[in-house]
Amino acid sequence: METARATLGEWGLFLILLTVGSLAIIATTVAPHRRKTQEFRARAAQLEAEVEQLDAENARLEAEIAAIGTDPFIVERELRRRTGFLRPGEHRFAAVTPPAAPAGETGDGTDTAGDGE
């Protein structure tokens, strides 16, 4: 009977060690994969947001292309804006701001420094 108990005790110890070892192997292999999975999911979410943004930009550009094809004044407006195109007989006017007066002068010959000289 003692040999049977020893055999059961050895088998019990073997099963416990086998279970602990299996759990250790599972824990060391699953944990890094879980972290990688979370990183991949976060990256996928970023890419989905970028795709949505690019889809919106694409829709805007497609609408602009459609407008260019149907509105003859858009081409002229863009040409005028980008190149300064003028029709015959048109004149360009430019607003010029006067240069700033040096410190202490008002531009009318008076001194604002307050020393009276």
PDB file of N, CA and C in Angstrom:
ATOM      1  N   MET A   1       0.806  -1.185   0.000  1.00  0.00           N
ATOM      2  CA  MET A   1       0.000   0.000   0.000  1.00  0.00           C
ATOM      3  C   MET A   1       0.856   1.259   0.000  1.00  0.00           C
ATOM      4  N   GLU A   2       1.984   1.194   0.639  1.00  0.00           N
ATOM      5  CA  GLU A   2       2.842   2.374   0.693  1.00  0.00           C
ATOM      6  C   GLU A   2       3.402   2.703  -0.680  1.00  0.00           C
ATOM      7  N   THR A   3       3.663   1.716  -1.472  1.00  0.00           N
ATOM      8  CA  THR A   3       4.169   1.992  -2.811  1.00  0.00           C
ATOM      9  C   THR A   3       3.103   2.653  -3.671  1.00  0.00           C
ATOM     10  N   ALA A   4       1.847   2.271  -3.449  1.00  0.00           N
ATOM     11  CA  ALA A   4       0.759   2.913  -4.199  1.00  0.00           C
ATOM     12  C   ALA A   4       0.624   4.364  -3.802  1.00  0.00           C
ATOM     13  N   ARG A   5       0.747   4.675  -2.490  1.00  0.00           N
ATOM     14  CA  ARG A   5       0.670   6.078  -2.036  1.00  0.00           C
ATOM     15  C   ARG A   5       1.850   6.871  -2.559  1.00  0.00           C
ATOM     16  N   ALA A   6       2.981   6.301  -2.551  1.00  0.00           N
ATOM     17  CA  ALA A   6       4.155   7.008  -3.058  1.00  0.00           C
ATOM     18  C   ALA A   6       3.976   7.293  -4.537  1.00  0.00           C
ATOM     19  N   THR A   7       3.418   6.356  -5.241  1.00  0.00           N
ATOM     20  CA  THR A   7       3.192   6.550  -6.661  1.00  0.00           C
ATOM     21  C   THR A   7       2.151   7.644  -6.881  1.00  0.00           C
ATOM     22  N   LEU A   8       1.083   7.634  -6.087  1.00  0.00           N
ATOM     23  CA  LEU A   8       0.070   8.699  -6.207  1.00  0.00           C
ATOM     24  C   LEU A   8       0.658  10.045  -5.821  1.00  0.00           C
ATOM     25  N   GLY A   9       1.486  10.066  -4.797  1.00  0.00           N
ATOM     26  CA  GLY A   9       2.124  11.320  -4.381  1.00  0.00           C
ATOM     27  C   GLY A   9       3.068  11.831  -5.443  1.00  0.00           C
ATOM     28  N   GLU A  10       3.809  10.950  -6.069  1.00  0.00           N
ATOM     29  CA  GLU A  10       4.720  11.366  -7.133  1.00  0.00           C
ATOM     30  C   GLU A  10       3.939  11.878  -8.343  1.00  0.00           C
ATOM     31  N   TRP A  11       2.845  11.169  -8.668  1.00  0.00           N
ATOM     32  CA  TRP A  11       2.008  11.615  -9.780  1.00  0.00           C
ATOM     33  C   TRP A  11       1.350  12.958  -9.461  1.00  0.00           C
ATOM     34  N   GLY A  12       0.945  13.134  -8.242  1.00  0.00           N
ATOM     35  CA  GLY A  12       0.331  14.408  -7.839  1.00  0.00           C
ATOM     36  C   GLY A  12       1.319  15.551  -7.963  1.00  0.00           C
ATOM     37  N   LEU A  13       2.554  15.313  -7.472  1.00  0.00           N
ATOM     38  CA  LEU A  13       3.601  16.323  -7.570  1.00  0.00           C
ATOM     39  C   LEU A  13       3.920  16.609  -9.040  1.00  0.00           C
ATOM     40  N   PHE A  14       3.989  15.561  -9.837  1.00  0.00           N
ATOM     41  CA  PHE A  14       4.246  15.713 -11.269  1.00  0.00           C
ATOM     42  C   PHE A  14       3.153  16.551 -11.941  1.00  0.00           C
ATOM     43  N   LEU A  15       1.885  16.276 -11.602  1.00  0.00           N
ATOM     44  CA  LEU A  15       0.774  17.033 -12.189  1.00  0.00           C
ATOM     45  C   LEU A  15       0.788  18.488 -11.756  1.00  0.00           C
ATOM     46  N   ILE A  16       1.132  18.723 -10.497  1.00  0.00           N
ATOM     47  CA  ILE A  16       1.205  20.108 -10.003  1.00  0.00           C
ATOM     48  C   ILE A  16       2.317  20.857 -10.724  1.00  0.00           C
ATOM     49  N   LEU A  17       3.502  20.230 -10.841  1.00  0.00           N
ATOM     50  CA  LEU A  17       4.613  20.876 -11.536  1.00  0.00           C
ATOM     51  C   LEU A  17       4.293  21.086 -13.020  1.00  0.00           C
ATOM     52  N   LEU A  18       3.643  20.116 -13.608  1.00  0.00           N
ATOM     53  CA  LEU A  18       3.246  20.244 -15.010  1.00  0.00           C
ATOM     54  C   LEU A  18       2.261  21.398 -15.198  1.00  0.00           C
ATOM     55  N   THR A  19       1.307  21.531 -14.302  1.00  0.00           N
ATOM     56  CA  THR A  19       0.327  22.616 -14.364  1.00  0.00           C
ATOM     57  C   THR A  19       0.995  23.967 -14.169  1.00  0.00           C
ATOM     58  N   VAL A  20       1.855  24.083 -13.179  1.00  0.00           N
ATOM     59  CA  VAL A  20       2.549  25.352 -12.920  1.00  0.00           C
ATOM     60  C   VAL A  20       3.441  25.713 -14.110  1.00  0.00           C
ATOM     61  N   GLY A  21       4.153  24.736 -14.626  1.00  0.00           N
ATOM     62  CA  GLY A  21       5.008  24.992 -15.786  1.00  0.00           C
ATOM     63  C   GLY A  21       4.204  25.427 -16.995  1.00  0.00           C
ATOM     64  N   SER A  22       3.081  24.767 -17.233  1.00  0.00           N
ATOM     65  CA  SER A  22       2.223  25.134 -18.364  1.00  0.00           C
ATOM     66  C   SER A  22       1.689  26.551 -18.208  1.00  0.00           C
ATOM     67  N   LEU A  23       1.262  26.894 -17.009  1.00  0.00           N
ATOM     68  CA  LEU A  23       0.760  28.253 -16.756  1.00  0.00           C
ATOM     69  C   LEU A  23       1.864  29.286 -16.951  1.00  0.00           C
ATOM     70  N   ALA A  24       3.074  28.966 -16.529  1.00  0.00           N
ATOM     71  CA  ALA A  24       4.192  29.893 -16.707  1.00  0.00           C
ATOM     72  C   ALA A  24       4.475  30.100 -18.192  1.00  0.00           C
ATOM     73  N   ILE A  25       4.462  29.031 -18.961  1.00  0.00           N
ATOM     74  CA  ILE A  25       4.703  29.147 -20.404  1.00  0.00           C
ATOM     75  C   ILE A  25       3.596  29.956 -21.069  1.00  0.00           C
ATOM     76  N   ILE A  26       2.371  29.686 -20.698  1.00  0.00           N
ATOM     77  CA  ILE A  26       1.242  30.431 -21.269  1.00  0.00           C
ATOM     78  C   ILE A  26       1.345  31.908 -20.910  1.00  0.00           C
ATOM     79  N   ALA A  27       1.668  32.187 -19.645  1.00  0.00           N
ATOM     80  CA  ALA A  27       1.758  33.584 -19.200  1.00  0.00           C
ATOM     81  C   ALA A  27       2.870  34.332 -19.940  1.00  0.00           C
ATOM     82  N   THR A  28       3.994  33.679 -20.164  1.00  0.00           N
ATOM     83  CA  THR A  28       5.104  34.370 -20.826  1.00  0.00           C
ATOM     84  C   THR A  28       4.896  34.520 -22.324  1.00  0.00           C
ATOM     85  N   THR A  29       4.057  33.707 -22.904  1.00  0.00           N
ATOM     86  CA  THR A  29       3.819  33.840 -24.346  1.00  0.00           C
ATOM     87  C   THR A  29       2.585  34.674 -24.655  1.00  0.00           C
ATOM     88  N   VAL A  30       1.581  34.644 -23.805  1.00  0.00           N
ATOM     89  CA  VAL A  30       0.338  35.373 -24.069  1.00  0.00           C
ATOM     90  C   VAL A  30       0.477  36.853 -23.739  1.00  0.00           C
ATOM     91  N   ALA A  31       1.163  37.192 -22.664  1.00  0.00           N
ATOM     92  CA  ALA A  31       1.262  38.591 -22.236  1.00  0.00           C
ATOM     93  C   ALA A  31       1.883  39.477 -23.318  1.00  0.00           C
ATOM     94  N   PRO A  32       3.019  39.100 -23.911  1.00  0.00           N
ATOM     95  CA  PRO A  32       3.557  39.970 -24.976  1.00  0.00           C
ATOM     96  C   PRO A  32       2.627  40.074 -26.186  1.00  0.00           C
ATOM     97  N   HIS A  33       1.945  38.991 -26.506  1.00  0.00           N
ATOM     98  CA  HIS A  33       1.017  39.034 -27.641  1.00  0.00           C
ATOM     99  C   HIS A  33      -0.172  39.937 -27.346  1.00  0.00           C
ATOM    100  N   ARG A  34      -0.611  39.946 -26.110  1.00  0.00           N
ATOM    101  CA  ARG A  34      -1.722  40.826 -25.733  1.00  0.00           C
ATOM    102  C   ARG A  34      -1.303  42.285 -25.889  1.00  0.00           C
ATOM    103  N   ARG A  35      -0.084  42.619 -25.455  1.00  0.00           N
ATOM    104  CA  ARG A  35       0.421  43.987 -25.572  1.00  0.00           C
ATOM    105  C   ARG A  35       0.536  44.372 -27.049  1.00  0.00           C
ATOM    106  N   LYS A  36       1.071  43.477 -27.858  1.00  0.00           N
ATOM    107  CA  LYS A  36       1.192  43.753 -29.287  1.00  0.00           C
ATOM    108  C   LYS A  36      -0.187  43.936 -29.922  1.00  0.00           C
ATOM    109  N   THR A  37      -1.138  43.121 -29.507  1.00  0.00           N
ATOM    110  CA  THR A  37      -2.496  43.237 -30.038  1.00  0.00           C
ATOM    111  C   THR A  37      -3.082  44.604 -29.703  1.00  0.00           C
ATOM    112  N   GLN A  38      -2.864  45.074 -28.483  1.00  0.00           N
ATOM    113  CA  GLN A  38      -3.359  46.391 -28.092  1.00  0.00           C
ATOM    114  C   GLN A  38      -2.682  47.489 -28.916  1.00  0.00           C
ATOM    115  N   GLU A  39      -1.374  47.344 -29.153  1.00  0.00           N
ATOM    116  CA  GLU A  39      -0.670  48.327 -29.968  1.00  0.00           C
ATOM    117  C   GLU A  39      -1.205  48.334 -31.403  1.00  0.00           C
ATOM    118  N   PHE A  40      -1.458  47.137 -31.941  1.00  0.00           N
ATOM    119  CA  PHE A  40      -1.996  47.056 -33.296  1.00  0.00           C
ATOM    120  C   PHE A  40      -3.394  47.659 -33.374  1.00  0.00           C
ATOM    121  N   ARG A  41      -4.201  47.443 -32.365  1.00  0.00           N
ATOM    122  CA  ARG A  41      -5.550  48.025 -32.364  1.00  0.00           C
ATOM    123  C   ARG A  41      -5.489  49.547 -32.299  1.00  0.00           C
ATOM    124  N   ALA A  42      -4.570  50.085 -31.480  1.00  0.00           N
ATOM    125  CA  ALA A  42      -4.427  51.539 -31.387  1.00  0.00           C
ATOM    126  C   ALA A  42      -3.965  52.109 -32.726  1.00  0.00           C
ATOM    127  N   ARG A  43      -3.020  51.437 -33.360  1.00  0.00           N
ATOM    128  CA  ARG A  43      -2.528  51.894 -34.659  1.00  0.00           C
ATOM    129  C   ARG A  43      -3.630  51.810 -35.722  1.00  0.00           C
ATOM    130  N   ALA A  44      -4.437  50.742 -35.649  1.00  0.00           N
ATOM    131  CA  ALA A  44      -5.553  50.601 -36.590  1.00  0.00           C
ATOM    132  C   ALA A  44      -6.553  51.739 -36.409  1.00  0.00           C
ATOM    133  N   ALA A  45      -6.809  52.135 -35.167  1.00  0.00           N
ATOM    134  CA  ALA A  45      -7.725  53.241 -34.914  1.00  0.00           C
ATOM    135  C   ALA A  45      -7.162  54.548 -35.482  1.00  0.00           C
ATOM    136  N   GLN A  46      -5.846  54.764 -35.323  1.00  0.00           N
ATOM    137  CA  GLN A  46      -5.219  55.962 -35.886  1.00  0.00           C
ATOM    138  C   GLN A  46      -5.348  55.967 -37.409  1.00  0.00           C
ATOM    139  N   LEU A  47      -5.098  54.826 -38.007  1.00  0.00           N
ATOM    140  CA  LEU A  47      -5.177  54.746 -39.464  1.00  0.00           C
ATOM    141  C   LEU A  47      -6.606  54.936 -39.959  1.00  0.00           C
ATOM    142  N   GLU A  48      -7.579  54.429 -39.221  1.00  0.00           N
ATOM    143  CA  GLU A  48      -8.981  54.635 -39.607  1.00  0.00           C
ATOM    144  C   GLU A  48      -9.344  56.110 -39.550  1.00  0.00           C
ATOM    145  N   ALA A  49      -8.867  56.817 -38.526  1.00  0.00           N
ATOM    146  CA  ALA A  49      -9.125  58.256 -38.427  1.00  0.00           C
ATOM    147  C   ALA A  49      -8.458  58.994 -39.588  1.00  0.00           C
ATOM    148  N   GLU A  50      -7.244  58.576 -39.949  1.00  0.00           N
ATOM    149  CA  GLU A  50      -6.552  59.196 -41.070  1.00  0.00           C
ATOM    150  C   GLU A  50      -7.287  58.932 -42.385  1.00  0.00           C
ATOM    151  N   VAL A  51      -7.812  57.726 -42.541  1.00  0.00           N
ATOM    152  CA  VAL A  51      -8.580  57.395 -43.754  1.00  0.00           C
ATOM    153  C   VAL A  51      -9.824  58.269 -43.835  1.00  0.00           C
ATOM    154  N   GLU A  52     -10.517  58.460 -42.717  1.00  0.00           N
ATOM    155  CA  GLU A  52     -11.708  59.317 -42.714  1.00  0.00           C
ATOM    156  C   GLU A  52     -11.346  60.745 -43.107  1.00  0.00           C
ATOM    157  N   GLN A  53     -10.222  61.238 -42.576  1.00  0.00           N
ATOM    158  CA  GLN A  53      -9.783  62.591 -42.909  1.00  0.00           C
ATOM    159  C   GLN A  53      -9.446  62.694 -44.398  1.00  0.00           C
ATOM    160  N   LEU A  54      -8.758  61.692 -44.915  1.00  0.00           N
ATOM    161  CA  LEU A  54      -8.403  61.715 -46.334  1.00  0.00           C
ATOM    162  C   LEU A  54      -9.635  61.557 -47.227  1.00  0.00           C
ATOM    163  N   ASP A  55     -10.607  60.779 -46.777  1.00  0.00           N
ATOM    164  CA  ASP A  55     -11.855  60.662 -47.535  1.00  0.00           C
ATOM    165  C   ASP A  55     -12.572  62.004 -47.610  1.00  0.00           C
ATOM    166  N   ALA A  56     -12.582  62.740 -46.512  1.00  0.00           N
ATOM    167  CA  ALA A  56     -13.221  64.061 -46.498  1.00  0.00           C
ATOM    168  C   ALA A  56     -12.482  65.012 -47.434  1.00  0.00           C
ATOM    169  N   GLU A  57     -11.145  64.978 -47.387  1.00  0.00           N
ATOM    170  CA  GLU A  57     -10.352  65.830 -48.281  1.00  0.00           C
ATOM    171  C   GLU A  57     -10.598  65.445 -49.739  1.00  0.00           C
ATOM    172  N   ASN A  58     -10.686  64.162 -50.004  1.00  0.00           N
ATOM    173  CA  ASN A  58     -10.947  63.676 -51.361  1.00  0.00           C
ATOM    174  C   ASN A  58     -12.317  64.151 -51.849  1.00  0.00           C
ATOM    175  N   ALA A  59     -13.321  64.077 -50.990  1.00  0.00           N
ATOM    176  CA  ALA A  59     -14.658  64.536 -51.366  1.00  0.00           C
ATOM    177  C   ALA A  59     -14.652  66.031 -51.664  1.00  0.00           C
ATOM    178  N   ARG A  60     -13.904  66.793 -50.848  1.00  0.00           N
ATOM    179  CA  ARG A  60     -13.817  68.236 -51.078  1.00  0.00           C
ATOM    180  C   ARG A  60     -13.158  68.530 -52.419  1.00  0.00           C
ATOM    181  N   LEU A  61     -12.082  67.807 -52.711  1.00  0.00           N
ATOM    182  CA  LEU A  61     -11.384  68.031 -53.982  1.00  0.00           C
ATOM    183  C   LEU A  61     -12.228  67.595 -55.178  1.00  0.00           C
ATOM    184  N   GLU A  62     -12.972  66.510 -55.034  1.00  0.00           N
ATOM    185  CA  GLU A  62     -13.860  66.076 -56.116  1.00  0.00           C
ATOM    186  C   GLU A  62     -14.952  67.111 -56.373  1.00  0.00           C
ATOM    187  N   ALA A  63     -15.476  67.708 -55.303  1.00  0.00           N
ATOM    188  CA  ALA A  63     -16.482  68.764 -55.468  1.00  0.00           C
ATOM    189  C   ALA A  63     -15.874  69.976 -56.163  1.00  0.00           C
ATOM    190  N   GLU A  64     -14.624  70.290 -55.821  1.00  0.00           N
ATOM    191  CA  GLU A  64     -13.943  71.416 -56.461  1.00  0.00           C
ATOM    192  C   GLU A  64     -13.722  71.135 -57.945  1.00  0.00           C
ATOM    193  N   ILE A  65     -13.335  69.901 -58.269  1.00  0.00           N
ATOM    194  CA  ILE A  65     -13.148  69.522 -59.674  1.00  0.00           C
ATOM    195  C   ILE A  65     -14.467  69.630 -60.438  1.00  0.00           C
ATOM    196  N   ALA A  66     -15.543  69.161 -59.813  1.00  0.00           N
ATOM    197  CA  ALA A  66     -16.855  69.246 -60.460  1.00  0.00           C
ATOM    198  C   ALA A  66     -17.260  70.697 -60.670  1.00  0.00           C
ATOM    199  N   ALA A  67     -16.972  71.559 -59.702  1.00  0.00           N
ATOM    200  CA  ALA A  67     -17.321  72.974 -59.833  1.00  0.00           C
ATOM    201  C   ALA A  67     -16.509  73.631 -60.938  1.00  0.00           C
ATOM    202  N   ILE A  68     -15.248  73.261 -61.062  1.00  0.00           N
ATOM    203  CA  ILE A  68     -14.415  73.833 -62.121  1.00  0.00           C
ATOM    204  C   ILE A  68     -14.974  73.452 -63.489  1.00  0.00           C
ATOM    205  N   GLY A  69     -15.457  72.225 -63.602  1.00  0.00           N
ATOM    206  CA  GLY A  69     -15.990  71.775 -64.881  1.00  0.00           C
ATOM    207  C   GLY A  69     -17.312  72.415 -65.246  1.00  0.00           C
ATOM    208  N   THR A  70     -18.072  72.905 -64.284  1.00  0.00           N
ATOM    209  CA  THR A  70     -19.396  73.449 -64.578  1.00  0.00           C
ATOM    210  C   THR A  70     -19.460  74.975 -64.475  1.00  0.00           C
ATOM    211  N   ASP A  71     -18.542  75.610 -63.796  1.00  0.00           N
ATOM    212  CA  ASP A  71     -18.581  77.064 -63.607  1.00  0.00           C
ATOM    213  C   ASP A  71     -17.418  77.707 -64.369  1.00  0.00           C
ATOM    214  N   PRO A  72     -17.709  78.423 -65.453  1.00  0.00           N
ATOM    215  CA  PRO A  72     -16.618  79.009 -66.251  1.00  0.00           C
ATOM    216  C   PRO A  72     -15.883  80.126 -65.517  1.00  0.00           C
ATOM    217  N   PHE A  73     -16.495  80.717 -64.539  1.00  0.00           N
ATOM    218  CA  PHE A  73     -15.855  81.835 -63.849  1.00  0.00           C
ATOM    219  C   PHE A  73     -14.828  81.366 -62.812  1.00  0.00           C
ATOM    220  N   ILE A  74     -14.902  80.113 -62.386  1.00  0.00           N
ATOM    221  CA  ILE A  74     -13.928  79.611 -61.411  1.00  0.00           C
ATOM    222  C   ILE A  74     -12.532  79.586 -62.018  1.00  0.00           C
ATOM    223  N   VAL A  75     -12.419  79.153 -63.264  1.00  0.00           N
ATOM    224  CA  VAL A  75     -11.113  79.105 -63.918  1.00  0.00           C
ATOM    225  C   VAL A  75     -10.531  80.512 -64.018  1.00  0.00           C
ATOM    226  N   GLU A  76     -11.350  81.469 -64.449  1.00  0.00           N
ATOM    227  CA  GLU A  76     -10.864  82.840 -64.562  1.00  0.00           C
ATOM    228  C   GLU A  76     -10.468  83.396 -63.199  1.00  0.00           C
ATOM    229  N   ARG A  77     -11.291  83.137 -62.190  1.00  0.00           N
ATOM    230  CA  ARG A  77     -11.011  83.642 -60.844  1.00  0.00           C
ATOM    231  C   ARG A  77      -9.678  83.088 -60.323  1.00  0.00           C
ATOM    232  N   GLU A  78      -9.447  81.792 -60.528  1.00  0.00           N
ATOM    233  CA  GLU A  78      -8.195  81.184 -60.084  1.00  0.00           C
ATOM    234  C   GLU A  78      -7.012  81.732 -60.871  1.00  0.00           C
ATOM    235  N   LEU A  79      -7.194  81.921 -62.175  1.00  0.00           N
ATOM    236  CA  LEU A  79      -6.138  82.486 -63.004  1.00  0.00           C
ATOM    237  C   LEU A  79      -5.785  83.892 -62.532  1.00  0.00           C
ATOM    238  N   ARG A  80      -6.785  84.690 -62.243  1.00  0.00           N
ATOM    239  CA  ARG A  80      -6.539  86.048 -61.745  1.00  0.00           C
ATOM    240  C   ARG A  80      -5.832  86.022 -60.382  1.00  0.00           C
ATOM    241  N   ARG A  81      -6.282  85.127 -59.505  1.00  0.00           N
ATOM    242  CA  ARG A  81      -5.709  85.062 -58.161  1.00  0.00           C
ATOM    243  C   ARG A  81      -4.251  84.602 -58.194  1.00  0.00           C
ATOM    244  N   ARG A  82      -3.971  83.568 -58.990  1.00  0.00           N
ATOM    245  CA  ARG A  82      -2.625  82.986 -58.980  1.00  0.00           C
ATOM    246  C   ARG A  82      -1.607  83.753 -59.820  1.00  0.00           C
ATOM    247  N   THR A  83      -2.040  84.307 -60.940  1.00  0.00           N
ATOM    248  CA  THR A  83      -1.072  84.929 -61.860  1.00  0.00           C
ATOM    249  C   THR A  83      -1.239  86.432 -62.002  1.00  0.00           C
ATOM    250  N   GLY A  84      -2.308  86.981 -61.470  1.00  0.00           N
ATOM    251  CA  GLY A  84      -2.531  88.414 -61.631  1.00  0.00           C
ATOM    252  C   GLY A  84      -3.052  88.766 -63.014  1.00  0.00           C
ATOM    253  N   PHE A  85      -3.710  87.819 -63.667  1.00  0.00           N
ATOM    254  CA  PHE A  85      -4.251  88.011 -65.016  1.00  0.00           C
ATOM    255  C   PHE A  85      -5.205  89.203 -65.038  1.00  0.00           C
ATOM    256  N   LEU A  86      -5.059  90.053 -66.072  1.00  0.00           N
ATOM    257  CA  LEU A  86      -5.958  91.197 -66.276  1.00  0.00           C
ATOM    258  C   LEU A  86      -6.531  91.109 -67.684  1.00  0.00           C
ATOM    259  N   ARG A  87      -7.789  91.495 -67.806  1.00  0.00           N
ATOM    260  CA  ARG A  87      -8.399  91.597 -69.136  1.00  0.00           C
ATOM    261  C   ARG A  87      -7.935  92.892 -69.785  1.00  0.00           C
ATOM    262  N   PRO A  88      -8.018  92.958 -71.093  1.00  0.00           N
ATOM    263  CA  PRO A  88      -7.633  94.211 -71.766  1.00  0.00           C
ATOM    264  C   PRO A  88      -8.488  95.362 -71.245  1.00  0.00           C
ATOM    265  N   GLY A  89      -7.841  96.454 -70.934  1.00  0.00           N
ATOM    266  CA  GLY A  89      -8.529  97.637 -70.434  1.00  0.00           C
ATOM    267  C   GLY A  89      -8.629  97.683 -68.914  1.00  0.00           C
ATOM    268  N   GLU A  90      -8.309  96.611 -68.230  1.00  0.00           N
ATOM    269  CA  GLU A  90      -8.339  96.616 -66.761  1.00  0.00           C
ATOM    270  C   GLU A  90      -7.010  97.142 -66.224  1.00  0.00           C
ATOM    271  N   HIS A  91      -7.071  97.736 -65.061  1.00  0.00           N
ATOM    272  CA  HIS A  91      -5.871  98.279 -64.413  1.00  0.00           C
ATOM    273  C   HIS A  91      -5.789  97.720 -62.999  1.00  0.00           C
ATOM    274  N   ARG A  92      -4.573  97.482 -62.583  1.00  0.00           N
ATOM    275  CA  ARG A  92      -4.343  96.971 -61.228  1.00  0.00           C
ATOM    276  C   ARG A  92      -4.024  98.152 -60.304  1.00  0.00           C
ATOM    277  N   PHE A  93      -4.632  98.118 -59.141  1.00  0.00           N
ATOM    278  CA  PHE A  93      -4.354  99.113 -58.113  1.00  0.00           C
ATOM    279  C   PHE A  93      -3.779  98.391 -56.917  1.00  0.00           C
ATOM    280  N   ALA A  94      -2.791  99.014 -56.310  1.00  0.00           N
ATOM    281  CA  ALA A  94      -2.175  98.419 -55.127  1.00  0.00           C
ATOM    282  C   ALA A  94      -2.228  99.428 -53.993  1.00  0.00           C
ATOM    283  N   ALA A  95      -2.617  98.973 -52.836  1.00  0.00           N
ATOM    284  CA  ALA A  95      -2.639  99.838 -51.668  1.00  0.00           C
ATOM    285  C   ALA A  95      -1.236  99.873 -51.083  1.00  0.00           C
ATOM    286  N   VAL A  96      -0.723 101.086 -50.881  1.00  0.00           N
ATOM    287  CA  VAL A  96       0.620 101.256 -50.347  1.00  0.00           C
ATOM    288  C   VAL A  96       0.498 101.912 -48.989  1.00  0.00           C
ATOM    289  N   THR A  97       1.122 101.320 -48.004  1.00  0.00           N
ATOM    290  CA  THR A  97       1.111 101.915 -46.665  1.00  0.00           C
ATOM    291  C   THR A  97       2.360 102.768 -46.525  1.00  0.00           C
ATOM    292  N   PRO A  98       2.233 103.957 -45.940  1.00  0.00           N
ATOM    293  CA  PRO A  98       3.406 104.826 -45.780  1.00  0.00           C
ATOM    294  C   PRO A  98       4.388 104.189 -44.791  1.00  0.00           C
ATOM    295  N   PRO A  99       5.671 104.474 -44.949  1.00  0.00           N
ATOM    296  CA  PRO A  99       6.653 103.910 -44.020  1.00  0.00           C
ATOM    297  C   PRO A  99       6.437 104.477 -42.619  1.00  0.00           C
ATOM    298  N   ALA A 100       6.772 103.701 -41.630  1.00  0.00           N
ATOM    299  CA  ALA A 100       6.617 104.135 -40.239  1.00  0.00           C
ATOM    300  C   ALA A 100       7.632 105.221 -39.927  1.00  0.00           C
ATOM    301  N   ALA A 101       7.196 106.222 -39.146  1.00  0.00           N
ATOM    302  CA  ALA A 101       8.084 107.312 -38.752  1.00  0.00           C
ATOM    303  C   ALA A 101       9.096 106.788 -37.738  1.00  0.00           C
ATOM    304  N   PRO A 102      10.333 107.294 -37.776  1.00  0.00           N
ATOM    305  CA  PRO A 102      11.326 106.874 -36.772  1.00  0.00           C
ATOM    306  C   PRO A 102      10.843 107.211 -35.374  1.00  0.00           C
ATOM    307  N   ALA A 103      11.346 106.500 -34.400  1.00  0.00           N
ATOM    308  CA  ALA A 103      10.923 106.710 -33.005  1.00  0.00           C
ATOM    309  C   ALA A 103      11.199 108.145 -32.585  1.00  0.00           C
ATOM    310  N   GLY A 104      10.222 108.751 -31.965  1.00  0.00           N
ATOM    311  CA  GLY A 104      10.371 110.110 -31.460  1.00  0.00           C
ATOM    312  C   GLY A 104       9.888 111.179 -32.416  1.00  0.00           C
ATOM    313  N   GLU A 105       9.532 110.821 -33.635  1.00  0.00           N
ATOM    314  CA  GLU A 105       9.037 111.798 -34.613  1.00  0.00           C
ATOM    315  C   GLU A 105       7.613 111.440 -34.988  1.00  0.00           C
ATOM    316  N   THR A 106       6.809 112.461 -35.249  1.00  0.00           N
ATOM    317  CA  THR A 106       5.422 112.235 -35.631  1.00  0.00           C
ATOM    318  C   THR A 106       5.230 112.327 -37.130  1.00  0.00           C
ATOM    319  N   GLY A 107       6.223 112.790 -37.872  1.00  0.00           N
ATOM    320  CA  GLY A 107       6.086 112.915 -39.315  1.00  0.00           C
ATOM    321  C   GLY A 107       5.681 114.313 -39.741  1.00  0.00           C
ATOM    322  N   ASP A 108       5.254 115.183 -38.788  1.00  0.00           N
ATOM    323  CA  ASP A 108       4.855 116.545 -39.145  1.00  0.00           C
ATOM    324  C   ASP A 108       5.897 117.559 -38.684  1.00  0.00           C
ATOM    325  N   GLY A 109       7.095 117.082 -38.351  1.00  0.00           N
ATOM    326  CA  GLY A 109       8.167 117.988 -37.958  1.00  0.00           C
ATOM    327  C   GLY A 109       8.225 118.246 -36.465  1.00  0.00           C
ATOM    328  N   THR A 110       7.253 117.785 -35.700  1.00  0.00           N
ATOM    329  CA  THR A 110       7.284 118.007 -34.260  1.00  0.00           C
ATOM    330  C   THR A 110       8.005 116.843 -33.579  1.00  0.00           C
ATOM    331  N   ASP A 111       8.581 117.127 -32.443  1.00  0.00           N
ATOM    332  CA  ASP A 111       9.322 116.126 -31.684  1.00  0.00           C
ATOM    333  C   ASP A 111       8.458 115.647 -30.531  1.00  0.00           C
ATOM    334  N   THR A 112       8.341 114.342 -30.378  1.00  0.00           N
ATOM    335  CA  THR A 112       7.516 113.800 -29.295  1.00  0.00           C
ATOM    336  C   THR A 112       8.352 113.320 -28.145  1.00  0.00           C
ATOM    337  N   ALA A 113       9.651 113.567 -28.190  1.00  0.00           N
ATOM    338  CA  ALA A 113      10.516 113.091 -27.112  1.00  0.00           C
ATOM    339  C   ALA A 113      10.294 113.887 -25.835  1.00  0.00           C
ATOM    340  N   GLY A 114       9.748 115.113 -25.957  1.00  0.00           N
ATOM    341  CA  GLY A 114       9.406 115.901 -24.777  1.00  0.00           C
ATOM    342  C   GLY A 114      10.570 116.683 -24.209  1.00  0.00           C
ATOM    343  N   ASP A 115      11.695 116.773 -24.935  1.00  0.00           N
ATOM    344  CA  ASP A 115      12.820 117.526 -24.386  1.00  0.00           C
ATOM    345  C   ASP A 115      12.867 118.951 -24.919  1.00  0.00           C
ATOM    346  N   GLY A 116      11.971 119.287 -25.877  1.00  0.00           N
ATOM    347  CA  GLY A 116      11.816 120.667 -26.337  1.00  0.00           C
ATOM    348  C   GLY A 116      12.889 121.112 -27.294  1.00  0.00           C
ATOM    349  N   GLU A 117      13.739 120.283 -27.720  1.00  0.00           N
ATOM    350  CA  GLU A 117      14.809 120.697 -28.632  1.00  0.00           C
ATOM    351  C   GLU A 117      14.465 120.451 -30.055  1.00  0.00           C
TER     352      GLU A 117
END
